Protein backbone atom coordinates (compact mmCIF):
# COMPACT_ATOMS: atom_id res chain seq x y z
CA MET A 1 111.74 114.50 94.68
CA PHE A 2 109.15 111.79 93.98
CA GLY A 3 106.46 113.40 96.11
CA GLU A 4 106.86 116.81 94.51
CA ARG A 5 106.81 115.38 90.99
CA LEU A 6 103.81 113.21 91.75
CA LYS A 7 101.82 116.16 93.04
CA GLU A 8 102.89 118.43 90.17
CA LEU A 9 102.01 115.86 87.51
CA ARG A 10 98.75 114.83 89.17
CA MET A 11 97.59 118.43 89.37
CA ALA A 12 98.71 119.17 85.79
CA SER A 13 96.64 116.18 84.68
CA GLY A 14 93.60 117.61 86.43
CA LEU A 15 93.33 114.67 88.82
CA SER A 16 92.47 114.92 92.49
CA GLN A 17 94.22 112.69 94.99
CA SER A 18 91.08 110.59 95.28
CA ALA A 19 90.75 110.27 91.48
CA LEU A 20 94.33 109.05 91.13
CA ALA A 21 93.89 106.75 94.12
CA SER A 22 90.77 105.29 92.51
CA LYS A 23 92.63 104.56 89.27
CA LEU A 24 95.36 102.81 91.29
CA PHE A 25 92.97 100.95 93.64
CA ILE A 26 94.64 102.52 96.69
CA SER A 27 93.48 104.87 99.43
CA GLN A 28 93.63 108.63 99.09
CA GLN A 29 95.74 108.61 102.25
CA ALA A 30 98.41 106.50 100.51
CA ASP A 31 98.60 108.96 97.61
CA GLY A 32 98.68 111.92 99.99
CA GLY A 33 101.44 110.29 101.98
CA TRP A 34 103.55 109.76 98.88
CA GLU A 35 103.12 113.41 97.91
CA LEU A 36 104.47 114.34 101.35
CA ASN A 37 107.39 111.91 100.86
CA ARG A 38 106.06 109.63 103.58
CA GLY A 39 106.75 106.30 101.96
CA SER A 40 106.70 105.28 98.33
CA PRO A 41 104.71 102.91 96.11
CA ASN A 42 105.85 99.44 95.15
CA PRO A 43 107.43 99.06 91.69
CA GLU A 44 104.22 97.82 90.05
CA THR A 45 102.21 100.78 91.35
CA LEU A 46 105.00 103.17 90.41
CA ALA A 47 104.81 101.90 86.81
CA LYS A 48 101.01 102.39 86.82
CA ILE A 49 101.39 105.95 88.10
CA ALA A 50 103.90 106.75 85.36
CA ASP A 51 101.54 105.31 82.76
CA ILE A 52 98.54 107.27 84.05
CA LEU A 53 100.54 110.51 84.18
CA HIS A 54 102.23 109.87 80.78
CA VAL A 55 105.82 110.06 82.01
CA SER A 56 108.66 107.60 82.48
CA VAL A 57 109.30 106.03 85.88
CA ASP A 58 112.80 107.52 85.76
CA TYR A 59 111.32 111.02 85.44
CA LEU A 60 108.79 110.36 88.17
CA VAL A 61 111.44 109.34 90.69
CA GLY A 62 113.87 112.10 89.66
CA HIS A 63 116.52 110.08 87.83
CA VAL A 64 116.16 112.06 84.58
CA GLU A 65 114.85 115.49 83.63
CA ALA A 66 113.18 114.40 80.36
CA LYS A 67 109.59 113.29 80.92
CA LYS A 68 109.83 110.58 78.27
CA CYS A 69 112.78 108.56 77.05
CA PRO A 70 112.77 108.47 73.20
CA PHE A 71 113.90 104.84 73.04
CA LEU A 72 110.95 103.81 75.24
CA MET A 73 108.29 105.26 72.96
CA THR A 74 105.57 102.98 71.70
CA ARG A 75 105.44 101.89 68.09
CA THR A 76 102.42 104.17 67.53
CA SER A 77 104.17 107.27 68.85
CA ARG A 78 107.25 106.51 66.71
CA LYS A 79 105.05 106.24 63.60
CA THR A 80 103.45 109.57 64.44
CA MET A 81 106.86 111.23 64.76
CA ILE A 82 108.04 109.82 61.42
CA MET A 83 104.92 110.86 59.49
């Protein structure tokens, strides 16, 4: 599940594997391996990936279907929704 979502979100964001790897300070091979479900990132890197791809970690790993959890929104995004 994680690998498929990672690839889908990365591609939807217009990022190549090497571009995402560069943002995470990892090798392209590590990113490619994750997309093939050969291993997984550590929790800190997982949080960075979710941040870069604008989704929750829970969505990224397949625990929920909603990309963002409303109660985890930033103060800025809540203000935008209220206005």
